[in-house]
Protein backbone atom coordinates (compact mmCIF):
# COMPACT_ATOMS: atom_id res chain seq x y z
CA MET A 1 182.08 115.60 -71.45
CA SER A 2 181.79 116.39 -67.86
CA ALA A 3 184.75 115.43 -65.61
CA ALA A 4 184.39 112.06 -64.11
CA THR A 5 185.28 111.55 -60.49
CA PRO A 6 187.16 108.78 -58.49
CA LEU A 7 184.48 106.00 -57.52
CA ALA A 8 182.83 106.05 -54.20
CA ALA A 9 183.74 103.19 -51.73
CA GLY A 10 180.90 100.83 -51.14
CA ARG A 11 179.57 97.06 -51.64
CA GLY A 12 180.43 95.49 -54.82
CA THR A 13 183.33 94.74 -56.97
CA THR A 14 185.18 97.54 -58.85
CA ARG A 15 183.84 96.27 -61.95
CA GLU A 16 180.22 96.75 -60.75
CA HIS A 17 180.92 100.38 -59.41
CA ILE A 18 182.64 101.21 -62.83
CA VAL A 19 179.40 99.82 -64.73
CA SER A 20 176.99 101.45 -62.43
CA HIS A 21 178.95 104.78 -62.79
CA LEU A 22 179.31 104.56 -66.63
CA ARG A 23 175.64 103.35 -67.08
CA ASP A 24 174.24 106.52 -65.11
CA GLN A 25 176.40 108.84 -67.17
CA ILE A 26 175.37 107.14 -70.66
CA VAL A 27 171.66 107.15 -69.57
CA ASP A 28 171.47 110.69 -68.48
CA GLY A 29 173.67 112.09 -71.35
CA SER A 30 176.66 113.02 -69.61
CA LEU A 31 178.74 110.89 -71.69
CA SER A 32 177.43 111.63 -75.21
CA PRO A 33 176.68 109.35 -78.00
CA GLY A 34 179.71 108.19 -79.99
CA LEU A 35 182.06 109.48 -77.56
CA PRO A 36 185.47 107.59 -77.25
CA LEU A 37 185.98 105.73 -73.96
CA ARG A 38 189.64 105.70 -73.81
CA THR A 39 191.26 103.23 -71.58
CA GLU A 40 193.90 105.33 -69.95
CA GLU A 41 191.79 108.54 -69.53
CA PHE A 42 189.21 106.57 -67.66
CA MET A 43 191.55 104.72 -65.63
CA GLN A 44 192.98 108.09 -64.41
CA ARG A 45 189.61 109.77 -63.93
CA LEU A 46 188.02 107.05 -61.95
CA GLY A 47 191.25 105.94 -60.20
CA VAL A 48 190.66 102.10 -61.52
CA SER A 49 192.86 99.82 -63.12
CA SER A 50 192.62 98.44 -66.83
CA SER A 51 191.32 95.07 -65.89
CA PRO A 52 187.95 95.95 -64.28
CA LEU A 53 187.40 98.91 -66.72
CA ARG A 54 187.57 96.64 -69.80
CA GLU A 55 185.32 94.25 -67.82
CA ALA A 56 182.92 96.90 -67.44
CA PHE A 57 183.20 97.86 -71.09
CA VAL A 58 182.30 94.37 -72.09
CA GLN A 59 179.29 94.29 -69.76
CA LEU A 60 177.97 97.70 -70.96
CA GLU A 61 178.45 96.51 -74.48
CA ALA A 62 176.09 93.52 -73.74
CA GLU A 63 173.56 96.07 -72.41
CA GLY A 64 173.77 98.03 -75.72
CA LEU A 65 175.23 101.06 -74.13
CA VAL A 66 179.01 100.81 -75.33
CA THR A 67 180.35 99.67 -78.66
CA VAL A 68 183.96 97.67 -78.57
CA SER A 69 185.82 97.75 -81.70
CA PRO A 70 189.01 95.73 -81.99
CA ASN A 71 190.91 98.50 -83.68
CA ARG A 72 189.00 101.65 -82.23
CA GLY A 73 188.28 100.64 -78.85
CA ALA A 74 185.40 101.54 -76.62
CA SER A 75 182.82 104.19 -77.26
CA VAL A 76 179.22 105.25 -76.28
CA THR A 77 176.74 103.67 -78.40
CA THR A 78 175.33 105.89 -80.97
CA LEU A 79 171.54 106.59 -80.61
CA THR A 80 169.73 107.13 -83.93
CA GLN A 81 166.05 107.66 -84.67
CA ARG A 82 166.12 103.89 -86.29
CA ASP A 83 167.36 102.17 -83.23
CA ALA A 84 165.48 104.00 -80.87
CA SER A 85 162.05 103.55 -82.75
CA ASP A 86 162.85 100.09 -82.84
CA LEU A 87 163.65 100.00 -79.02
CA LEU A 88 160.54 101.68 -78.28
CA GLN A 89 158.41 99.41 -80.02
CA VAL A 90 159.65 96.37 -78.41
CA THR A 91 159.72 98.22 -74.90
CA ALA A 92 156.05 99.11 -75.80
CA LEU A 93 155.05 95.63 -76.31
CA LEU A 94 156.75 94.25 -73.12
CA TRP A 95 155.00 97.05 -70.83
CA ASP A 96 151.69 96.20 -72.46
CA ALA A 97 152.25 92.95 -71.01
CA VAL A 98 153.28 94.24 -67.44
CA VAL A 99 150.25 96.32 -67.24
CA ARG A 100 147.88 93.85 -68.47
CA TRP A 101 149.01 91.47 -65.98
CA THR A 102 149.74 93.29 -63.01
CA VAL A 103 147.23 96.32 -62.69
CA PRO A 104 144.42 93.56 -61.95
CA VAL A 105 146.30 92.06 -58.80
CA LEU A 106 147.70 95.33 -57.42
CA ASP A 107 147.08 95.36 -53.64
CA THR A 108 146.32 98.51 -51.38
CA ASP A 109 150.20 98.90 -50.47
CA GLN A 110 151.45 98.51 -54.07
CA ALA A 111 148.82 101.13 -55.15
CA THR A 112 149.63 103.53 -52.34
CA LYS A 113 153.54 103.50 -53.39
CA LEU A 114 152.49 103.92 -57.20
CA ARG A 115 150.01 106.82 -55.82
CA ARG A 116 152.90 108.59 -54.42
CA ALA A 117 155.25 108.49 -57.35
CA ALA A 118 152.24 109.58 -59.70
CA GLY A 119 151.83 112.55 -57.39
CA ASN A 120 155.46 113.52 -57.30
CA PHE A 121 155.59 113.14 -61.06
CA ALA A 122 152.65 115.64 -61.41
CA LEU A 123 154.29 118.03 -59.03
CA ALA A 124 157.54 117.90 -60.74
CA LEU A 125 155.95 118.20 -64.17
CA ARG A 126 153.70 121.20 -63.29
CA SER A 127 156.71 123.04 -61.64
CA GLY A 128 158.98 122.74 -64.82
CA ASP A 129 161.32 120.28 -63.18
CA ILE A 130 161.84 117.88 -66.18
CA ARG A 131 164.91 115.63 -64.46
CA GLY A 132 162.52 115.26 -61.40
CA ALA A 133 159.71 114.24 -63.36
CA VAL A 134 161.62 111.76 -65.26
CA LEU A 135 162.98 110.11 -62.11
CA GLU A 136 159.42 109.96 -60.58
CA ALA A 137 157.98 108.10 -63.83
CA GLU A 138 161.07 105.98 -63.60
CA ARG A 139 159.91 105.41 -60.00
CA PHE A 140 156.30 104.52 -60.73
CA GLN A 141 157.58 102.03 -63.72
CA SER A 142 159.79 100.33 -61.06
CA GLU A 143 156.85 99.95 -58.46
CA LEU A 144 154.84 98.51 -61.20
CA LEU A 145 157.24 96.14 -62.19
CA LEU A 146 158.07 95.09 -58.48
CA ALA A 147 154.23 94.28 -58.61
CA CYS A 148 154.44 92.07 -61.69
CA TRP A 149 154.11 88.22 -61.02
CA SER A 150 155.93 87.10 -64.18
CA THR A 151 159.86 86.49 -63.35
CA GLU A 152 160.42 86.08 -67.26
CA LEU A 153 158.49 89.40 -68.27
CA VAL A 154 160.50 91.30 -65.46
CA ARG A 155 163.62 89.81 -66.89
CA SER A 156 162.99 90.78 -70.27
CA VAL A 157 161.76 94.18 -69.30
CA GLN A 158 165.06 94.81 -67.12
CA ALA A 159 167.27 93.45 -70.06
CA VAL A 160 166.15 96.75 -72.15
CA HIS A 161 165.59 98.97 -69.15
CA SER A 162 168.81 100.86 -69.40
CA ARG A 163 168.39 101.65 -73.26
CA GLN A 164 164.85 102.60 -72.79
CA GLN A 165 165.64 105.07 -69.75
CA ARG A 166 168.55 106.57 -72.16
CA VAL A 167 165.89 107.13 -75.00
CA LEU A 168 163.22 108.63 -72.76
CA ARG A 169 165.34 110.74 -71.18
CA ALA A 170 166.76 112.10 -74.40
CA LEU A 171 163.35 113.01 -75.47
CA ALA A 172 162.08 114.35 -72.20
CA THR A 173 160.02 117.45 -72.57
CA ALA A 174 156.88 118.97 -70.79
CA GLU A 175 155.03 117.75 -74.00
CA THR A 176 156.45 114.13 -74.18
CA LEU A 177 155.91 113.65 -70.61
CA ASP A 178 152.30 115.08 -70.34
CA PRO A 179 150.61 111.86 -71.44
CA ILE A 180 152.09 109.92 -68.62
CA ILE A 181 149.77 111.59 -66.03
CA ASP A 182 146.85 110.06 -67.99
CA PHE A 183 148.47 106.53 -67.87
CA HIS A 184 149.45 106.89 -64.10
CA GLU A 185 145.62 107.82 -63.45
CA ALA A 186 144.51 105.10 -65.35
CA VAL A 187 146.51 102.50 -63.56
CA LEU A 188 145.30 104.03 -60.23
CA ILE A 189 141.84 103.91 -60.97
CA HIS A 190 141.56 100.45 -62.22
CA ALA A 191 144.11 98.77 -59.68
CA GLY A 192 142.84 95.71 -58.32
CA GLU A 193 139.89 95.41 -61.31
CA SER A 194 139.67 92.56 -63.69
CA SER A 195 140.50 94.55 -66.98
CA ALA A 196 143.51 96.77 -67.43
CA GLN A 197 142.37 97.90 -70.72
CA ALA A 198 142.07 101.48 -70.19
CA ALA A 199 145.52 101.50 -68.63
CA CYS A 200 146.98 100.07 -71.76
CA GLU A 201 145.42 102.46 -73.96
CA ALA A 202 146.72 105.37 -72.20
CA LEU A 203 150.18 103.77 -72.23
CA ARG A 204 150.13 103.48 -75.86
CA GLU A 205 149.40 106.85 -76.09
CA VAL A 206 152.50 107.64 -74.12
CA TRP A 207 154.68 105.32 -76.73
CA ARG A 208 152.94 107.31 -79.54
CA VAL A 209 154.02 110.79 -78.39
CA GLN A 210 157.54 109.38 -77.91
CA GLN A 211 157.64 107.67 -81.36
CA GLU A 212 156.67 111.30 -82.75
CA ALA A 213 159.53 112.97 -80.73
CA LEU A 214 162.21 110.91 -82.27
CA GLY A 215 163.11 113.62 -84.83
CA VAL A 216 165.24 115.21 -82.49
CA LEU A 217 167.60 112.44 -82.61
CA PRO A 218 170.18 111.79 -85.45
CA ALA A 219 168.77 109.69 -88.51
CA GLN A 220 171.69 107.73 -88.80
């Protein structure tokens, strides 16, 4: 485990800062699946008291990133093939709706932001910068979600967002990221048109490739 550092000062409560810090480390794999999150250790590492730390564990448990046991305390939730497959299938259904409902109503400004993220993604991928490519793919998703008119759909996507990020970052290679280029192109080509079918089909290929890559995760 990489050494944690005291939290930086900023707006928000101590609990919110802890949640954001630990969420980022769990999503990017710095805190590995199954790792015990010992209260005393993290109090010292983060420079916080026990109360906001425990509150942060409760929130992260609700997000599916931390598991809290009465006898064993908190630990990073494990990431198995079965759980990841289930999550990807649900995520695919949600994002199919996002694309289907949002692409036809994209305006010029929204398309410009998406085009910038898509260009940066392709450049990072070609240069072998996997982390940079992942961040730009996430930025593209964020811009597309911002353009979605359905508040309920956005809430549903956000509910699984951190877990989706965690899985896709764990699977990220040049091969698993490559189909995203076609998805980006389909969204941009058909932005503002009446049908988003081509973009939906390209996105299904992205999820298919991700599902095939799940073998790198433990079976149980």
